[in-house]
Amino acid sequence: MNLALTDEQEFLREAARGALSRTNYVEAAREALEGAPLPDLWPAACEAGWSGCSSPRTMAGPGSARSTRCS
């Protein structure tokens, strides 16, 4: 069984790493334990276009004309 990532999966992994590296989430989680608010990941996910990644194309997933929009 080949468990290597496809080129598309590698691209998504690198894109996620880049988008999520803007905030130190480990530090933010520690601060949240002290009462600080958690960072909002939804705007970063929307900006990166991940909101439709969990849906198949037939249901407005990535690459469909009806791709999920963030609001």
Protein backbone atom coordinates (compact mmCIF):
# COMPACT_ATOMS: atom_id res chain seq x y z
CA MET A 1 0.00 0.00 0.00
CA ASN A 2 1.38 3.37 -1.05
CA LEU A 3 0.77 5.95 1.69
CA ALA A 4 2.73 8.74 0.03
CA LEU A 5 0.92 12.04 -0.41
CA THR A 6 -0.15 13.08 -3.89
CA ASP A 7 1.15 16.32 -5.37
CA GLU A 8 -2.18 18.00 -4.54
CA GLN A 9 -1.98 16.80 -0.93
CA GLU A 10 1.60 18.06 -0.64
CA PHE A 11 0.50 21.44 -2.01
CA LEU A 12 -2.38 21.62 0.48
CA ARG A 13 -0.07 20.71 3.36
CA GLU A 14 2.41 23.46 2.41
CA ALA A 15 -0.40 25.98 1.92
CA ALA A 16 -1.81 25.13 5.35
CA ARG A 17 1.61 25.40 6.94
CA GLY A 18 2.09 28.84 5.40
CA ALA A 19 -1.36 30.13 6.31
CA LEU A 20 -1.24 28.85 9.88
CA SER A 21 2.32 30.01 10.54
CA ARG A 22 1.10 33.60 10.86
CA THR A 23 0.03 32.95 14.45
CA ASN A 24 1.80 31.01 17.19
CA TYR A 25 -1.06 28.69 18.14
CA VAL A 26 0.86 26.91 20.90
CA GLU A 27 1.43 30.24 22.64
CA ALA A 28 -2.18 31.26 21.97
CA ALA A 29 -3.44 28.03 23.55
CA ARG A 30 -1.30 28.62 26.62
CA GLU A 31 -2.62 32.17 26.89
CA ALA A 32 -6.18 30.84 26.56
CA LEU A 33 -5.56 28.72 29.64
CA GLU A 34 -4.99 32.02 31.45
CA GLY A 35 -8.25 33.49 30.14
CA ALA A 36 -7.22 35.06 26.83
CA PRO A 37 -9.53 34.47 23.87
CA LEU A 38 -8.59 31.76 21.37
CA PRO A 39 -7.51 32.98 17.92
CA ASP A 40 -10.22 32.74 15.26
CA LEU A 41 -9.10 30.29 12.56
CA TRP A 42 -12.18 30.65 10.37
CA PRO A 43 -11.00 33.79 8.51
CA ALA A 44 -7.68 32.09 7.67
CA ALA A 45 -9.52 28.98 6.48
CA CYS A 46 -11.84 31.05 4.30
CA GLU A 47 -8.98 33.07 2.86
CA ALA A 48 -7.19 29.85 1.95
CA GLY A 49 -10.34 28.38 0.39
CA TRP A 50 -10.58 25.41 2.75
CA SER A 51 -14.26 25.84 3.55
CA GLY A 52 -15.30 23.51 0.73
CA CYS A 53 -12.54 20.94 1.07
CA SER A 54 -14.63 18.52 3.13
CA SER A 55 -17.44 18.35 0.56
CA PRO A 56 -17.34 16.37 -2.69
CA ARG A 57 -17.52 18.34 -5.94
CA THR A 58 -21.06 17.11 -6.52
CA MET A 59 -22.08 18.92 -3.32
CA ALA A 60 -20.31 22.25 -3.93
CA GLY A 61 -16.90 21.00 -2.85
CA PRO A 62 -13.54 22.25 -4.17
CA GLY A 63 -13.52 22.93 -7.88
CA SER A 64 -17.29 23.10 -8.26
CA ALA A 65 -19.11 26.12 -9.60
CA ARG A 66 -21.04 26.31 -6.32
CA SER A 67 -18.04 26.15 -4.02
CA THR A 68 -18.74 26.98 -0.37
CA ARG A 69 -18.39 30.65 0.50
CA CYS A 70 -17.42 32.07 3.84
CA SER A 71 -19.25 34.88 5.49
